[in-house]
Amino acid sequence: MNKVEICGVNTSKLPVLSNAKMRDLFLAVKSGDQQAREKLVTGNLRLVLSVIQRFNNRGEYVDDLFQVGCIGLMKAIDNFDLSQNVKFSTYAVPMIIGEIRRYLRDNNPIRVSRSLRDIAYKALQVRDAMINRLAREPSLSEIAENLNIPRDEVVYALDAIQEPVSLFEPIYHDGGDPIFVMDQISDVKNQDSNWLEGISIKEAMRKLNEREKLILTLRFFEGKTQMEVADEIGISQAQVSRLEKAALSHLRKYMS
């Protein structure tokens, strides 16, 4: 993230535009001056640089993030309204962030259904529009009402497109070793209650006859169907079903 040249642009020599110059260039852009648009893009690349710093722990190539951020910058330039009396950076930064987040979501290794993605993207578009209109962050209920869909669907869709977090992502430093995400997750498989229950099942299984043990082992430890068990031990599927029910009943009795 400390490289000087990104996508052929020497970031150490980027120009800084004054507010007056920015206004003149925007007026020229509105009249169709493409050179003025290019000057606005070049003069605001520092905004893109400041935004991509927020994504420096994602493992993405800086050049890719920079290019995507530039697309967001150009969209902001094309849609900026001088009459709103808002600083361009205030308007552009959320646009750049949104473009980068969309890029990261589209390249997410976890596949999300098209319908969920559509709801999520519509919700984000409505959110951006409401921020511009209301000058504040809208609530999820307001976004859902605008889309005319239940709030729970909006929440579920937005959760579905969130980028996965590594279990080794540091979340806190206390002057020493960092605390990782995995340190905050409980292991439900290794709780004392599960350990004791496993011992009880093993003890109860010893009290079953050999056929009952075999059927429960094939069914619940090896994951075979009743038909597969029937073929293996040479009886009908109906007999397997009856023996399985009897074995489970005996198992519950021995465990109680």
Protein backbone atom coordinates (compact mmCIF):
# COMPACT_ATOMS: atom_id res chain seq x y z
CA MET A 1 0.00 0.00 0.00
CA ASN A 2 3.07 2.26 0.20
CA LYS A 3 3.99 1.97 -3.48
CA VAL A 4 4.49 5.29 -5.25
CA GLU A 5 3.32 4.27 -8.73
CA ILE A 6 -0.11 2.66 -9.12
CA CYS A 7 -1.45 1.77 -12.57
CA GLY A 8 1.20 4.03 -14.14
CA VAL A 9 0.20 7.01 -11.95
CA ASN A 10 2.94 8.61 -9.83
CA THR A 11 0.96 9.16 -6.64
CA SER A 12 3.65 11.32 -5.09
CA LYS A 13 3.05 14.04 -7.69
CA LEU A 14 -0.75 14.17 -7.80
CA PRO A 15 -2.13 17.72 -8.02
CA VAL A 16 -4.45 19.28 -5.44
CA LEU A 17 -7.29 21.46 -6.76
CA SER A 18 -8.65 24.48 -4.92
CA ASN A 19 -12.40 24.81 -4.35
CA ALA A 20 -12.60 27.65 -6.88
CA LYS A 21 -10.75 25.62 -9.51
CA MET A 22 -13.00 22.62 -8.81
CA ARG A 23 -16.10 24.70 -9.34
CA ASP A 24 -14.80 26.11 -12.64
CA LEU A 25 -13.96 22.63 -13.87
CA PHE A 26 -17.40 21.27 -12.92
CA LEU A 27 -19.07 24.08 -14.82
CA ALA A 28 -16.89 23.25 -17.83
CA VAL A 29 -17.77 19.56 -17.54
CA LYS A 30 -21.49 20.40 -17.58
CA SER A 31 -20.95 22.15 -20.89
CA GLY A 32 -19.28 19.05 -22.35
CA ASP A 33 -15.59 19.80 -21.81
CA GLN A 34 -13.86 16.39 -21.62
CA GLN A 35 -10.47 17.90 -20.80
CA ALA A 36 -12.01 19.52 -17.73
CA ARG A 37 -13.37 16.09 -16.72
CA GLU A 38 -9.91 14.54 -17.02
CA LYS A 39 -8.45 17.32 -14.87
CA LEU A 40 -11.12 16.67 -12.24
CA VAL A 41 -10.31 12.97 -12.23
CA THR A 42 -6.55 13.59 -11.91
CA GLY A 43 -7.06 16.28 -9.29
CA ASN A 44 -9.12 13.96 -7.07
CA LEU A 45 -7.12 10.74 -7.28
CA ARG A 46 -5.91 11.40 -3.75
CA LEU A 47 -9.48 10.63 -2.64
CA VAL A 48 -9.20 7.19 -4.23
CA LEU A 49 -5.85 6.62 -2.50
CA SER A 50 -7.30 7.54 0.88
CA VAL A 51 -10.25 5.17 0.38
CA ILE A 52 -8.27 2.11 -0.71
CA GLN A 53 -6.22 2.37 2.49
CA ARG A 54 -9.35 1.10 4.27
CA PHE A 55 -9.21 -2.14 2.29
CA ASN A 56 -5.50 -2.89 2.68
CA ASN A 57 -6.14 -6.05 4.76
CA ARG A 58 -8.29 -7.82 2.16
CA GLY A 59 -5.42 -9.40 0.22
CA GLU A 60 -6.49 -7.63 -2.99
CA TYR A 61 -4.07 -6.10 -5.49
CA VAL A 62 -3.68 -2.38 -4.89
CA ASP A 63 -3.76 -1.68 -8.62
CA ASP A 64 -7.13 -3.45 -8.97
CA LEU A 65 -8.65 -1.53 -6.05
CA PHE A 66 -7.28 1.73 -7.43
CA GLN A 67 -8.84 1.14 -10.85
CA VAL A 68 -12.20 0.24 -9.32
CA GLY A 69 -11.99 3.30 -7.07
CA CYS A 70 -11.35 5.47 -10.14
CA ILE A 71 -14.59 4.17 -11.66
CA GLY A 72 -16.43 5.30 -8.51
CA LEU A 73 -14.67 8.68 -8.73
CA MET A 74 -15.76 9.16 -12.35
CA LYS A 75 -19.34 8.24 -11.49
CA ALA A 76 -19.24 10.81 -8.69
CA ILE A 77 -17.93 13.47 -11.06
CA ASP A 78 -20.64 12.71 -13.65
CA ASN A 79 -23.44 12.83 -11.07
CA PHE A 80 -22.27 15.64 -8.77
CA ASP A 81 -24.73 18.54 -8.43
CA LEU A 82 -23.13 21.92 -7.70
CA SER A 83 -26.46 23.37 -6.58
CA GLN A 84 -26.58 21.10 -3.50
CA ASN A 85 -23.86 23.12 -1.72
CA VAL A 86 -22.01 19.95 -0.63
CA LYS A 87 -18.25 19.43 -0.79
CA PHE A 88 -17.31 17.11 -3.63
CA SER A 89 -15.23 14.89 -1.34
CA THR A 90 -18.26 14.38 0.94
CA TYR A 91 -20.24 13.14 -2.05
CA ALA A 92 -17.45 11.22 -3.79
CA VAL A 93 -16.01 9.13 -0.93
CA PRO A 94 -19.20 7.05 -0.37
CA MET A 95 -19.44 6.52 -4.13
CA ILE A 96 -15.84 5.27 -4.30
CA ILE A 97 -16.34 3.02 -1.27
CA GLY A 98 -19.55 1.63 -2.75
CA GLU A 99 -17.84 0.81 -6.04
CA ILE A 100 -15.00 -1.01 -4.27
CA ARG A 101 -17.42 -2.94 -2.06
CA ARG A 102 -19.41 -4.02 -5.10
CA TYR A 103 -16.19 -5.24 -6.72
CA LEU A 104 -15.25 -7.20 -3.60
CA ARG A 105 -18.74 -8.73 -3.36
CA ASP A 106 -18.71 -9.78 -7.01
CA ASN A 107 -15.37 -11.51 -6.43
CA ASN A 108 -16.51 -13.13 -3.20
CA PRO A 109 -15.61 -16.88 -3.11
CA ILE A 110 -18.96 -17.62 -1.42
CA ARG A 111 -21.73 -17.90 -4.00
CA VAL A 112 -24.98 -16.08 -3.27
CA SER A 113 -28.21 -16.57 -5.23
CA ARG A 114 -29.06 -13.98 -7.87
CA SER A 115 -32.33 -13.02 -6.15
CA LEU A 116 -30.55 -12.26 -2.86
CA ARG A 117 -27.85 -10.27 -4.65
CA ASP A 118 -30.51 -8.26 -6.50
CA ILE A 119 -32.29 -7.38 -3.25
CA ALA A 120 -29.00 -6.44 -1.61
CA TYR A 121 -27.88 -4.22 -4.49
CA LYS A 122 -31.27 -2.51 -4.67
CA ALA A 123 -31.10 -1.92 -0.91
CA LEU A 124 -27.64 -0.37 -1.25
CA GLN A 125 -28.82 1.86 -4.12
CA VAL A 126 -31.81 2.99 -2.08
CA ARG A 127 -29.53 3.60 0.91
CA ASP A 128 -27.20 5.82 -1.16
CA ALA A 129 -30.13 7.76 -2.60
CA MET A 130 -31.68 8.26 0.85
CA ILE A 131 -28.37 9.45 2.31
CA ASN A 132 -28.18 12.10 -0.43
CA ARG A 133 -31.80 13.10 0.11
CA LEU A 134 -31.99 12.97 3.91
CA ALA A 135 -28.36 13.84 4.74
CA ARG A 136 -28.30 10.93 7.24
CA GLU A 137 -28.03 7.16 7.35
CA PRO A 138 -31.48 5.59 6.77
CA SER A 139 -32.67 2.73 8.97
CA LEU A 140 -33.20 -0.76 7.59
CA SER A 141 -36.94 -0.33 8.12
CA GLU A 142 -36.92 2.80 5.94
CA ILE A 143 -34.99 0.99 3.21
CA ALA A 144 -37.37 -1.98 3.36
CA GLU A 145 -40.40 0.32 3.20
CA ASN A 146 -38.93 2.09 0.15
CA LEU A 147 -38.39 -1.27 -1.58
CA ASN A 148 -41.81 -2.53 -0.42
CA ILE A 149 -40.37 -5.79 0.91
CA PRO A 150 -40.16 -7.18 4.48
CA ARG A 151 -37.34 -5.84 6.65
CA ASP A 152 -36.12 -9.39 7.40
CA GLU A 153 -35.51 -10.00 3.69
CA VAL A 154 -33.37 -6.88 3.45
CA VAL A 155 -31.34 -7.90 6.50
CA TYR A 156 -30.88 -11.45 5.18
CA ALA A 157 -29.83 -10.21 1.72
CA LEU A 158 -27.31 -7.71 3.09
CA ASP A 159 -25.86 -10.34 5.42
CA ALA A 160 -25.54 -12.78 2.51
CA ILE A 161 -23.24 -10.50 0.51
CA GLN A 162 -20.90 -9.65 3.38
CA GLU A 163 -17.34 -10.67 2.75
CA PRO A 164 -16.13 -13.67 4.78
CA VAL A 165 -13.68 -12.92 7.59
CA SER A 166 -10.63 -15.08 8.29
CA LEU A 167 -10.59 -16.89 11.64
CA PHE A 168 -7.07 -15.51 12.03
CA GLU A 169 -8.15 -11.89 11.52
CA PRO A 170 -6.85 -9.88 14.53
CA ILE A 171 -9.65 -7.96 16.23
CA TYR A 172 -7.95 -6.62 19.34
CA HIS A 173 -4.46 -5.88 20.66
CA ASP A 174 -3.83 -5.62 24.38
CA GLY A 175 -0.20 -4.58 24.34
CA GLY A 176 0.87 -8.17 23.73
CA ASP A 177 -0.38 -11.01 21.58
CA PRO A 178 -3.36 -10.13 19.37
CA ILE A 179 -6.80 -11.66 19.90
CA PHE A 180 -8.13 -13.33 16.74
CA VAL A 181 -11.69 -13.99 15.56
CA MET A 182 -11.25 -17.70 16.34
CA ASP A 183 -10.52 -16.81 19.99
CA GLN A 184 -14.04 -15.37 20.28
CA ILE A 185 -15.85 -18.43 18.90
CA SER A 186 -16.96 -21.18 21.26
CA ASP A 187 -16.47 -24.83 20.32
CA VAL A 188 -19.87 -26.43 20.91
CA LYS A 189 -18.53 -29.87 19.94
CA ASN A 190 -16.14 -30.01 22.87
CA GLN A 191 -18.41 -28.89 25.67
CA ASP A 192 -18.50 -31.05 28.82
CA SER A 193 -22.15 -31.96 28.24
CA ASN A 194 -21.35 -33.34 24.76
CA TRP A 195 -18.37 -35.28 26.12
CA LEU A 196 -20.46 -36.87 28.88
CA GLU A 197 -23.24 -37.67 26.44
CA GLY A 198 -20.77 -39.46 24.19
CA ILE A 199 -19.57 -41.59 27.10
CA SER A 200 -23.18 -42.45 28.02
CA ILE A 201 -23.95 -43.58 24.46
CA LYS A 202 -20.86 -45.81 24.36
CA GLU A 203 -21.77 -47.40 27.69
CA ALA A 204 -25.38 -47.97 26.59
CA MET A 205 -24.26 -49.45 23.24
CA ARG A 206 -22.31 -52.16 25.11
CA LYS A 207 -25.57 -53.40 26.62
CA LEU A 208 -27.26 -54.00 23.25
CA ASN A 209 -27.12 -57.35 21.49
CA GLU A 210 -24.79 -57.80 18.52
CA ARG A 211 -27.47 -57.29 15.84
CA GLU A 212 -28.75 -54.09 17.46
CA LYS A 213 -25.19 -52.76 17.76
CA LEU A 214 -24.52 -53.56 14.11
CA ILE A 215 -27.69 -51.87 12.86
CA LEU A 216 -27.15 -48.67 14.88
CA THR A 217 -23.48 -48.54 13.88
CA LEU A 218 -24.29 -48.90 10.17
CA ARG A 219 -27.19 -46.45 10.35
CA PHE A 220 -25.88 -43.65 12.56
CA PHE A 221 -22.10 -43.95 12.54
CA GLU A 222 -21.57 -44.95 8.92
CA GLY A 223 -24.62 -43.10 7.56
CA LYS A 224 -26.14 -45.94 5.58
CA THR A 225 -29.81 -46.12 4.60
CA GLN A 226 -32.13 -48.83 5.93
CA MET A 227 -32.14 -50.44 2.47
CA GLU A 228 -28.31 -50.56 2.40
CA VAL A 229 -28.28 -52.07 5.92
CA ALA A 230 -30.85 -54.67 4.86
CA ASP A 231 -28.71 -55.71 1.85
CA GLU A 232 -25.58 -55.92 4.01
CA ILE A 233 -26.98 -58.14 6.76
CA GLY A 234 -29.41 -60.12 4.58
CA ILE A 235 -32.84 -59.15 5.95
CA SER A 236 -35.73 -57.01 4.69
CA GLN A 237 -35.89 -53.24 5.04
CA ALA A 238 -39.04 -53.61 7.17
CA GLN A 239 -37.14 -55.87 9.58
CA VAL A 240 -34.29 -53.32 9.77
CA SER A 241 -36.83 -50.62 10.60
CA ARG A 242 -38.36 -52.67 13.44
CA LEU A 243 -34.97 -53.68 14.86
CA GLU A 244 -33.71 -50.10 14.66
CA LYS A 245 -36.70 -48.77 16.62
CA ALA A 246 -36.25 -51.47 19.25
CA ALA A 247 -32.51 -50.77 19.53
CA LEU A 248 -33.10 -47.02 19.96
CA SER A 249 -35.71 -47.73 22.61
CA HIS A 250 -33.25 -49.94 24.51
CA LEU A 251 -30.52 -47.32 24.10
CA ARG A 252 -32.70 -44.57 25.62
CA LYS A 253 -33.64 -46.88 28.52
CA TYR A 254 -30.00 -47.70 29.30
CA MET A 255 -28.99 -44.00 29.11
CA SER A 256 -31.78 -42.79 31.43
